[in-house]
Amino acid sequence: MRAYWSFVSARFRMMLQYRAAAAAGFGTQLFWGLIRVMIFAAFYRSTAARQPMTYEQVVTYVWLSQATFALMPFGVDADVREMIRSGNVAYEMLRPLDLYGAWFCRALAWRAAATLLRAVPMFIVAGLFLGLQPPASVGAALAWALATLMALLLSCAMTSLNNISMLWTISGQGIAQLLPAAVYFLSGMVIPLPLLPDWLQSALAVLPFRGIIDTPLRLYMGHIPLAEAAPAFASQAVWILLLLAGGRALLARGKRRLVIQGG
């Protein structure tokens, strides 16, 4: 375990150096967050129907989702992509470490560092000036923290699958283009999931994507009461285990079929 922790720690510190990129990302997310808030403000002013979330809750949901945007399992690890393209992945396979564990640790450090760099200023700015409310209770804050940690693991399991797919696709551009649309909509990043039609809720409940954004955010606000938090945590845990097992099986198959040109 010490070797994997050193792997995470070293890459996490390296990713923290990209502060200019994080500042640019923060500015972009702040801009889009303001647009989303204005859209929902217009919606709530124009409807008389009772909604499953109050406007204040939606505003908090928006800013929390913008703060944790970097948790989304978009793209592939550029270093892993280059290893596969160049054939240097052979050196990775010779390391005295489990290859899946090493790639998962890379994803863990990448997602955690990017989220931390953007979330801290977003919480400060949105909390002071833009309507981000504090957690519903101390228990809600603790539940949110645990759910966010599990969301990180869930996202890294998906990111690892993206990386492993490059053993077949090489470039990774296909999945990088296709996955964001599904994740955006099904996680709650575009529209809070409780606002979507009732006929869609049963499907959303069994998919893994809500565990990345929707579940932690609604626990934070108390929209999922603490008494009902266990099924939400269970859903996250089941999907983490399934995706970890699937990623390991896919990597084992890819390693058996891998052909490296050159020498």
C-alpha atoms as a PDB file:
ATOM      1  CA  MET A   1       0.000   0.000   0.000  1.00  0.00           C
ATOM      2  CA  ARG A   2       2.874   2.380   0.747  1.00  0.00           C
ATOM      3  CA  ALA A   3       4.007   2.217  -2.894  1.00  0.00           C
ATOM      4  CA  TYR A   4       0.543   3.166  -4.167  1.00  0.00           C
ATOM      5  CA  TRP A   5       0.210   5.959  -1.629  1.00  0.00           C
ATOM      6  CA  SER A   6       3.584   7.335  -2.756  1.00  0.00           C
ATOM      7  CA  PHE A   7       2.325   7.153  -6.335  1.00  0.00           C
ATOM      8  CA  VAL A   8      -0.793   9.175  -5.430  1.00  0.00           C
ATOM      9  CA  SER A   9       1.133  11.666  -3.301  1.00  0.00           C
ATOM     10  CA  ALA A  10       3.778  12.388  -5.953  1.00  0.00           C
ATOM     11  CA  ARG A  11       1.273  12.828  -8.785  1.00  0.00           C
ATOM     12  CA  PHE A  12      -1.060  14.893  -6.577  1.00  0.00           C
ATOM     13  CA  ARG A  13       1.759  17.332  -5.793  1.00  0.00           C
ATOM     14  CA  MET A  14       2.663  17.493  -9.461  1.00  0.00           C
ATOM     15  CA  MET A  15      -0.940  18.261 -10.474  1.00  0.00           C
ATOM     16  CA  LEU A  16      -1.130  21.064  -7.885  1.00  0.00           C
ATOM     17  CA  GLN A  17       1.454  22.950  -9.970  1.00  0.00           C
ATOM     18  CA  TYR A  18      -1.125  23.657 -12.678  1.00  0.00           C
ATOM     19  CA  ARG A  19      -2.581  26.630 -10.830  1.00  0.00           C
ATOM     20  CA  ALA A  20      -2.972  28.835 -13.911  1.00  0.00           C
ATOM     21  CA  ALA A  21      -5.044  26.158 -15.632  1.00  0.00           C
ATOM     22  CA  ALA A  22      -7.121  25.772 -12.473  1.00  0.00           C
ATOM     23  CA  ALA A  23      -7.710  29.539 -12.323  1.00  0.00           C
ATOM     24  CA  ALA A  24      -8.859  29.517 -15.947  1.00  0.00           C
ATOM     25  CA  GLY A  25     -11.129  26.574 -15.196  1.00  0.00           C
ATOM     26  CA  PHE A  26     -12.546  28.363 -12.167  1.00  0.00           C
ATOM     27  CA  GLY A  27     -13.341  31.432 -14.281  1.00  0.00           C
ATOM     28  CA  THR A  28     -15.056  29.307 -16.913  1.00  0.00           C
ATOM     29  CA  GLN A  29     -17.110  27.417 -14.355  1.00  0.00           C
ATOM     30  CA  LEU A  30     -18.067  30.652 -12.605  1.00  0.00           C
ATOM     31  CA  PHE A  31     -19.292  32.064 -15.928  1.00  0.00           C
ATOM     32  CA  TRP A  32     -21.351  28.995 -16.798  1.00  0.00           C
ATOM     33  CA  GLY A  33     -22.662  28.799 -13.250  1.00  0.00           C
ATOM     34  CA  LEU A  34     -24.028  32.338 -13.537  1.00  0.00           C
ATOM     35  CA  ILE A  35     -25.716  31.434 -16.824  1.00  0.00           C
ATOM     36  CA  ARG A  36     -27.309  28.345 -15.284  1.00  0.00           C
ATOM     37  CA  VAL A  37     -28.540  30.325 -12.275  1.00  0.00           C
ATOM     38  CA  MET A  38     -30.128  32.932 -14.570  1.00  0.00           C
ATOM     39  CA  ILE A  39     -31.862  30.209 -16.584  1.00  0.00           C
ATOM     40  CA  PHE A  40     -33.315  28.621 -13.461  1.00  0.00           C
ATOM     41  CA  ALA A  41     -34.320  32.037 -12.101  1.00  0.00           C
ATOM     42  CA  ALA A  42     -36.326  32.651 -15.279  1.00  0.00           C
ATOM     43  CA  PHE A  43     -37.860  29.185 -15.039  1.00  0.00           C
ATOM     44  CA  TYR A  44     -38.978  29.608 -11.438  1.00  0.00           C
ATOM     45  CA  ARG A  45     -40.433  33.062 -12.137  1.00  0.00           C
ATOM     46  CA  SER A  46     -42.414  31.770 -15.103  1.00  0.00           C
ATOM     47  CA  THR A  47     -43.941  28.634 -13.563  1.00  0.00           C
ATOM     48  CA  ALA A  48     -46.717  28.288 -11.036  1.00  0.00           C
ATOM     49  CA  ALA A  49     -46.330  24.518 -10.712  1.00  0.00           C
ATOM     50  CA  ARG A  50     -44.873  23.135  -7.516  1.00  0.00           C
ATOM     51  CA  GLN A  51     -41.311  21.913  -8.062  1.00  0.00           C
ATOM     52  CA  PRO A  52     -39.487  19.154  -6.147  1.00  0.00           C
ATOM     53  CA  MET A  53     -36.734  21.621  -5.215  1.00  0.00           C
ATOM     54  CA  THR A  54     -36.933  25.250  -4.124  1.00  0.00           C
ATOM     55  CA  TYR A  55     -35.140  27.927  -6.115  1.00  0.00           C
ATOM     56  CA  GLU A  56     -32.626  28.395  -3.276  1.00  0.00           C
ATOM     57  CA  GLN A  57     -31.869  24.675  -3.327  1.00  0.00           C
ATOM     58  CA  VAL A  58     -31.376  24.751  -7.094  1.00  0.00           C
ATOM     59  CA  VAL A  59     -28.940  27.672  -6.794  1.00  0.00           C
ATOM     60  CA  THR A  60     -26.957  25.749  -4.168  1.00  0.00           C
ATOM     61  CA  TYR A  61     -27.076  22.649  -6.385  1.00  0.00           C
ATOM     62  CA  VAL A  62     -25.694  24.647  -9.321  1.00  0.00           C
ATOM     63  CA  TRP A  63     -22.759  26.095  -7.403  1.00  0.00           C
ATOM     64  CA  LEU A  64     -21.899  22.792  -5.760  1.00  0.00           C
ATOM     65  CA  SER A  65     -21.910  21.084  -9.149  1.00  0.00           C
ATOM     66  CA  GLN A  66     -19.665  23.806 -10.561  1.00  0.00           C
ATOM     67  CA  ALA A  67     -17.311  23.419  -7.585  1.00  0.00           C
ATOM     68  CA  THR A  68     -16.993  19.665  -8.145  1.00  0.00           C
ATOM     69  CA  PHE A  69     -17.010  19.785 -11.945  1.00  0.00           C
ATOM     70  CA  ALA A  70     -13.499  18.295 -12.136  1.00  0.00           C
ATOM     71  CA  LEU A  71     -14.840  15.059 -10.639  1.00  0.00           C
ATOM     72  CA  MET A  72     -16.556  14.336 -13.934  1.00  0.00           C
ATOM     73  CA  PRO A  73     -14.907  11.366 -15.704  1.00  0.00           C
ATOM     74  CA  PHE A  74     -14.131  13.218 -18.912  1.00  0.00           C
ATOM     75  CA  GLY A  75     -11.235  12.487 -21.209  1.00  0.00           C
ATOM     76  CA  VAL A  76      -8.320  10.149 -20.772  1.00  0.00           C
ATOM     77  CA  ASP A  77      -4.983  10.465 -19.009  1.00  0.00           C
ATOM     78  CA  ALA A  78      -2.656  12.119 -21.544  1.00  0.00           C
ATOM     79  CA  ASP A  79       0.400  10.340 -20.109  1.00  0.00           C
ATOM     80  CA  VAL A  80      -1.247   6.912 -20.381  1.00  0.00           C
ATOM     81  CA  ARG A  81      -2.326   7.720 -23.929  1.00  0.00           C
ATOM     82  CA  GLU A  82       1.249   8.604 -24.860  1.00  0.00           C
ATOM     83  CA  MET A  83       2.561   5.424 -23.214  1.00  0.00           C
ATOM     84  CA  ILE A  84       0.221   3.312 -25.323  1.00  0.00           C
ATOM     85  CA  ARG A  85       0.983   5.208 -28.531  1.00  0.00           C
ATOM     86  CA  SER A  86       4.752   5.023 -28.043  1.00  0.00           C
ATOM     87  CA  GLY A  87       4.883   1.487 -26.677  1.00  0.00           C
ATOM     88  CA  ASN A  88       6.295   2.637 -23.344  1.00  0.00           C
ATOM     89  CA  VAL A  89       3.356   0.917 -21.688  1.00  0.00           C
ATOM     90  CA  ALA A  90       5.642  -2.136 -21.779  1.00  0.00           C
ATOM     91  CA  TYR A  91       7.750  -0.500 -19.069  1.00  0.00           C
ATOM     92  CA  GLU A  92       4.606   0.083 -17.012  1.00  0.00           C
ATOM     93  CA  MET A  93       3.798  -3.621 -17.252  1.00  0.00           C
ATOM     94  CA  LEU A  94       7.256  -4.497 -15.908  1.00  0.00           C
ATOM     95  CA  ARG A  95       6.941  -2.381 -12.768  1.00  0.00           C
ATOM     96  CA  PRO A  96       6.554  -4.322  -9.494  1.00  0.00           C
ATOM     97  CA  LEU A  97       3.091  -2.806  -9.113  1.00  0.00           C
ATOM     98  CA  ASP A  98      -0.342  -3.905 -10.195  1.00  0.00           C
ATOM     99  CA  LEU A  99      -0.967  -2.030 -13.459  1.00  0.00           C
ATOM    100  CA  TYR A 100      -4.636  -1.385 -12.758  1.00  0.00           C
ATOM    101  CA  GLY A 101      -3.802  -0.108  -9.273  1.00  0.00           C
ATOM    102  CA  ALA A 102      -1.141   2.224 -10.682  1.00  0.00           C
ATOM    103  CA  TRP A 103      -3.472   3.664 -13.314  1.00  0.00           C
ATOM    104  CA  PHE A 104      -6.270   4.031 -10.767  1.00  0.00           C
ATOM    105  CA  CYS A 105      -3.890   5.943  -8.479  1.00  0.00           C
ATOM    106  CA  ARG A 106      -2.978   8.246 -11.369  1.00  0.00           C
ATOM    107  CA  ALA A 107      -6.670   8.973 -11.922  1.00  0.00           C
ATOM    108  CA  LEU A 108      -7.231   9.480  -8.194  1.00  0.00           C
ATOM    109  CA  ALA A 109      -4.491  12.102  -7.904  1.00  0.00           C
ATOM    110  CA  TRP A 110      -5.586  13.817 -11.137  1.00  0.00           C
ATOM    111  CA  ARG A 111      -9.251  14.146 -10.170  1.00  0.00           C
ATOM    112  CA  ALA A 112      -8.564  15.058  -6.531  1.00  0.00           C
ATOM    113  CA  ALA A 113      -6.033  17.797  -7.323  1.00  0.00           C
ATOM    114  CA  ALA A 114      -8.126  19.365 -10.091  1.00  0.00           C
ATOM    115  CA  THR A 115     -11.234  19.361  -7.898  1.00  0.00           C
ATOM    116  CA  LEU A 116      -9.457  20.843  -4.886  1.00  0.00           C
ATOM    117  CA  LEU A 117      -7.889  23.686  -6.883  1.00  0.00           C
ATOM    118  CA  ARG A 118     -11.256  24.741  -8.319  1.00  0.00           C
ATOM    119  CA  ALA A 119     -13.622  23.907  -5.462  1.00  0.00           C
ATOM    120  CA  VAL A 120     -11.973  26.046  -2.777  1.00  0.00           C
ATOM    121  CA  PRO A 121     -12.315  29.401  -4.605  1.00  0.00           C
ATOM    122  CA  MET A 122     -15.779  28.434  -5.854  1.00  0.00           C
ATOM    123  CA  PHE A 123     -16.996  27.791  -2.304  1.00  0.00           C
ATOM    124  CA  ILE A 124     -15.585  31.132  -1.159  1.00  0.00           C
ATOM    125  CA  VAL A 125     -16.991  33.248  -4.006  1.00  0.00           C
ATOM    126  CA  ALA A 126     -20.351  31.489  -4.330  1.00  0.00           C
ATOM    127  CA  GLY A 127     -20.795  31.236  -0.559  1.00  0.00           C
ATOM    128  CA  LEU A 128     -20.146  34.933   0.012  1.00  0.00           C
ATOM    129  CA  PHE A 129     -21.820  36.491  -3.020  1.00  0.00           C
ATOM    130  CA  LEU A 130     -23.816  34.077  -5.177  1.00  0.00           C
ATOM    131  CA  GLY A 131     -26.314  32.266  -2.980  1.00  0.00           C
ATOM    132  CA  LEU A 132     -24.495  29.052  -2.075  1.00  0.00           C
ATOM    133  CA  GLN A 133     -26.085  27.940   1.193  1.00  0.00           C
ATOM    134  CA  PRO A 134     -24.248  26.105   3.997  1.00  0.00           C
ATOM    135  CA  PRO A 135     -24.978  22.404   4.634  1.00  0.00           C
ATOM    136  CA  ALA A 136     -28.389  21.629   6.081  1.00  0.00           C
ATOM    137  CA  SER A 137     -26.790  20.256   9.261  1.00  0.00           C
ATOM    138  CA  VAL A 138     -23.539  18.862  10.609  1.00  0.00           C
ATOM    139  CA  GLY A 139     -24.778  15.391   9.732  1.00  0.00           C
ATOM    140  CA  ALA A 140     -25.552  16.541   6.190  1.00  0.00           C
ATOM    141  CA  ALA A 141     -22.031  17.976   5.874  1.00  0.00           C
ATOM    142  CA  LEU A 142     -20.482  14.692   6.994  1.00  0.00           C
ATOM    143  CA  ALA A 143     -22.733  12.708   4.645  1.00  0.00           C
ATOM    144  CA  TRP A 144     -21.764  15.044   1.790  1.00  0.00           C
ATOM    145  CA  ALA A 145     -18.062  14.588   2.547  1.00  0.00           C
ATOM    146  CA  LEU A 146     -18.399  10.796   2.528  1.00  0.00           C
ATOM    147  CA  ALA A 147     -20.522  10.805  -0.632  1.00  0.00           C
ATOM    148  CA  THR A 148     -18.009  13.112  -2.356  1.00  0.00           C
ATOM    149  CA  LEU A 149     -15.168  10.743  -1.476  1.00  0.00           C
ATOM    150  CA  MET A 150     -17.166   7.862  -2.949  1.00  0.00           C
ATOM    151  CA  ALA A 151     -17.969  10.019  -5.990  1.00  0.00           C
ATOM    152  CA  LEU A 152     -14.215  10.493  -6.456  1.00  0.00           C
ATOM    153  CA  LEU A 153     -13.660   6.731  -6.381  1.00  0.00           C
ATOM    154  CA  LEU A 154     -16.577   6.178  -8.768  1.00  0.00           C
ATOM    155  CA  SER A 155     -15.247   8.782 -11.183  1.00  0.00           C
ATOM    156  CA  CYS A 156     -11.744   7.291 -11.052  1.00  0.00           C
ATOM    157  CA  ALA A 157     -13.134   3.831 -11.813  1.00  0.00           C
ATOM    158  CA  MET A 158     -14.813   5.297 -14.919  1.00  0.00           C
ATOM    159  CA  THR A 159     -11.659   7.199 -15.863  1.00  0.00           C
ATOM    160  CA  SER A 160      -9.652   3.995 -15.566  1.00  0.00           C
ATOM    161  CA  LEU A 161     -12.054   2.292 -17.967  1.00  0.00           C
ATOM    162  CA  ASN A 162     -11.517   5.176 -20.393  1.00  0.00           C
ATOM    163  CA  ASN A 163      -7.763   4.704 -20.144  1.00  0.00           C
ATOM    164  CA  ILE A 164      -7.949   0.941 -20.585  1.00  0.00           C
ATOM    165  CA  SER A 165     -10.107   1.338 -23.696  1.00  0.00           C
ATOM    166  CA  MET A 166      -7.100   2.924 -25.419  1.00  0.00           C
ATOM    167  CA  LEU A 167      -5.486  -0.515 -25.607  1.00  0.00           C
ATOM    168  CA  TRP A 168      -7.963  -1.009 -28.441  1.00  0.00           C
ATOM    169  CA  THR A 169      -8.648   2.528 -29.700  1.00  0.00           C
ATOM    170  CA  ILE A 170      -5.138   4.051 -29.217  1.00  0.00           C
ATOM    171  CA  SER A 171      -6.237   7.699 -29.503  1.00  0.00           C
ATOM    172  CA  GLY A 172      -9.094   7.736 -27.019  1.00  0.00           C
ATOM    173  CA  GLN A 173     -10.818  10.508 -28.972  1.00  0.00           C
ATOM    174  CA  GLY A 174     -13.987   8.521 -29.595  1.00  0.00           C
ATOM    175  CA  ILE A 175     -14.855   7.909 -25.963  1.00  0.00           C
ATOM    176  CA  ALA A 176     -13.662  11.425 -25.059  1.00  0.00           C
ATOM    177  CA  GLN A 177     -16.307  12.810 -27.438  1.00  0.00           C
ATOM    178  CA  LEU A 178     -19.154  10.416 -26.635  1.00  0.00           C
ATOM    179  CA  LEU A 179     -19.005  10.093 -22.852  1.00  0.00           C
ATOM    180  CA  PRO A 180     -19.384  13.766 -21.775  1.00  0.00           C
ATOM    181  CA  ALA A 181     -22.869  14.160 -23.249  1.00  0.00           C
ATOM    182  CA  ALA A 182     -24.200  11.181 -21.303  1.00  0.00           C
ATOM    183  CA  VAL A 183     -22.398  12.062 -18.075  1.00  0.00           C
ATOM    184  CA  TYR A 184     -23.458  15.723 -18.212  1.00  0.00           C
ATOM    185  CA  PHE A 185     -27.143  14.918 -18.480  1.00  0.00           C
ATOM    186  CA  LEU A 186     -27.397  11.774 -16.341  1.00  0.00           C
ATOM    187  CA  SER A 187     -25.300  13.064 -13.417  1.00  0.00           C
ATOM    188  CA  GLY A 188     -27.278  16.257 -12.812  1.00  0.00           C
ATOM    189  CA  MET A 189     -24.671  18.671 -14.148  1.00  0.00           C
ATOM    190  CA  VAL A 190     -27.074  20.197 -16.679  1.00  0.00           C
ATOM    191  CA  ILE A 191     -30.398  19.932 -14.821  1.00  0.00           C
ATOM    192  CA  PRO A 192     -30.821  18.818 -11.198  1.00  0.00           C
ATOM    193  CA  LEU A 193     -32.124  15.264 -11.480  1.00  0.00           C
ATOM    194  CA  PRO A 194     -35.209  15.810  -9.247  1.00  0.00           C
ATOM    195  CA  LEU A 195     -36.478  18.331 -11.845  1.00  0.00           C
ATOM    196  CA  LEU A 196     -36.488  15.713 -14.608  1.00  0.00           C
ATOM    197  CA  PRO A 197     -39.747  13.862 -15.465  1.00  0.00           C
ATOM    198  CA  ASP A 198     -41.038  11.175 -13.117  1.00  0.00           C
ATOM    199  CA  TRP A 199     -40.913   8.507 -15.834  1.00  0.00           C
ATOM    200  CA  LEU A 200     -37.145   8.983 -16.062  1.00  0.00           C
ATOM    201  CA  GLN A 201     -36.413   8.756 -12.340  1.00  0.00           C
ATOM    202  CA  SER A 202     -36.442   4.957 -12.124  1.00  0.00           C
ATOM    203  CA  ALA A 203     -33.775   4.707 -14.837  1.00  0.00           C
ATOM    204  CA  LEU A 204     -31.656   7.453 -13.269  1.00  0.00           C
ATOM    205  CA  ALA A 205     -31.803   5.653  -9.930  1.00  0.00           C
ATOM    206  CA  VAL A 206     -30.039   2.547 -11.236  1.00  0.00           C
ATOM    207  CA  LEU A 207     -27.373   4.253 -13.353  1.00  0.00           C
ATOM    208  CA  PRO A 208     -23.973   5.109 -11.809  1.00  0.00           C
ATOM    209  CA  PHE A 209     -23.773   8.726 -12.965  1.00  0.00           C
ATOM    210  CA  ARG A 210     -25.967  10.295 -10.290  1.00  0.00           C
ATOM    211  CA  GLY A 211     -23.488   9.080  -7.684  1.00  0.00           C
ATOM    212  CA  ILE A 212     -20.890  11.536  -8.985  1.00  0.00           C
ATOM    213  CA  ILE A 213     -22.870  14.788  -8.722  1.00  0.00           C
ATOM    214  CA  ASP A 214     -26.519  14.405  -7.703  1.00  0.00           C
ATOM    215  CA  THR A 215     -26.158  12.189  -4.626  1.00  0.00           C
ATOM    216  CA  PRO A 216     -23.486  14.230  -2.779  1.00  0.00           C
ATOM    217  CA  LEU A 217     -25.218  17.530  -3.560  1.00  0.00           C
ATOM    218  CA  ARG A 218     -28.651  16.480  -2.352  1.00  0.00           C
ATOM    219  CA  LEU A 219     -27.147  15.071   0.843  1.00  0.00           C
ATOM    220  CA  TYR A 220     -25.439  18.433   1.414  1.00  0.00           C
ATOM    221  CA  MET A 221     -28.760  20.271   1.135  1.00  0.00           C
ATOM    222  CA  GLY A 222     -30.734  17.749   3.165  1.00  0.00           C
ATOM    223  CA  HIS A 223     -32.854  17.008   0.087  1.00  0.00           C
ATOM    224  CA  ILE A 224     -31.940  13.389   0.760  1.00  0.00           C
ATOM    225  CA  PRO A 225     -32.618  13.069   4.514  1.00  0.00           C
ATOM    226  CA  LEU A 226     -29.980  11.330   6.607  1.00  0.00           C
ATOM    227  CA  ALA A 227     -32.507   8.584   7.384  1.00  0.00           C
ATOM    228  CA  GLU A 228     -32.630   7.789   3.640  1.00  0.00           C
ATOM    229  CA  ALA A 229     -28.910   8.137   2.945  1.00  0.00           C
ATOM    230  CA  ALA A 230     -28.048   4.429   3.212  1.00  0.00           C
ATOM    231  CA  PRO A 231     -29.520   3.427  -0.190  1.00  0.00           C
ATOM    232  CA  ALA A 232     -27.654   6.318  -1.850  1.00  0.00           C
ATOM    233  CA  PHE A 233     -24.347   5.202  -0.331  1.00  0.00           C
ATOM    234  CA  ALA A 234     -25.112   1.588  -1.242  1.00  0.00           C
ATOM    235  CA  SER A 235     -25.702   2.541  -4.878  1.00  0.00           C
ATOM    236  CA  GLN A 236     -22.362   4.355  -5.031  1.00  0.00           C
ATOM    237  CA  ALA A 237     -20.537   1.442  -3.376  1.00  0.00           C
ATOM    238  CA  VAL A 238     -22.070  -1.194  -5.662  1.00  0.00           C
ATOM    239  CA  TRP A 239     -21.142   0.730  -8.796  1.00  0.00           C
ATOM    240  CA  ILE A 240     -17.604   1.345  -7.546  1.00  0.00           C
ATOM    241  CA  LEU A 241     -17.120  -2.389  -7.001  1.00  0.00           C
ATOM    242  CA  LEU A 242     -18.686  -3.310 -10.347  1.00  0.00           C
ATOM    243  CA  LEU A 243     -16.588  -0.809 -12.286  1.00  0.00           C
ATOM    244  CA  LEU A 244     -13.405  -1.830 -10.477  1.00  0.00           C
ATOM    245  CA  ALA A 245     -14.069  -5.479 -11.285  1.00  0.00           C
ATOM    246  CA  GLY A 246     -14.967  -4.628 -14.883  1.00  0.00           C
ATOM    247  CA  GLY A 247     -11.858  -2.487 -15.309  1.00  0.00           C
ATOM    248  CA  ARG A 248      -9.583  -5.222 -13.978  1.00  0.00           C
ATOM    249  CA  ALA A 249     -11.144  -7.828 -16.264  1.00  0.00           C
ATOM    250  CA  LEU A 250     -10.884  -5.533 -19.293  1.00  0.00           C
ATOM    251  CA  LEU A 251      -7.252  -4.690 -18.550  1.00  0.00           C
ATOM    252  CA  ALA A 252      -6.355  -8.371 -18.151  1.00  0.00           C
ATOM    253  CA  ARG A 253      -7.885  -9.085 -21.555  1.00  0.00           C
ATOM    254  CA  GLY A 254      -6.155  -6.085 -23.128  1.00  0.00           C
ATOM    255  CA  LYS A 255      -2.741  -7.119 -21.782  1.00  0.00           C
ATOM    256  CA  ARG A 256      -3.129 -10.588 -23.316  1.00  0.00           C
ATOM    257  CA  ARG A 257      -3.910  -9.100 -26.733  1.00  0.00           C
ATOM    258  CA  LEU A 258      -1.483  -6.175 -26.636  1.00  0.00           C
ATOM    259  CA  VAL A 259       1.079  -5.995 -29.453  1.00  0.00           C
ATOM    260  CA  ILE A 260       3.922  -3.446 -29.187  1.00  0.00           C
ATOM    261  CA  GLN A 261       5.780  -2.552 -32.360  1.00  0.00           C
ATOM    262  CA  GLY A 262       9.484  -1.764 -32.338  1.00  0.00           C
ATOM    263  CA  GLY A 263      12.144  -2.661 -29.824  1.00  0.00           C
END
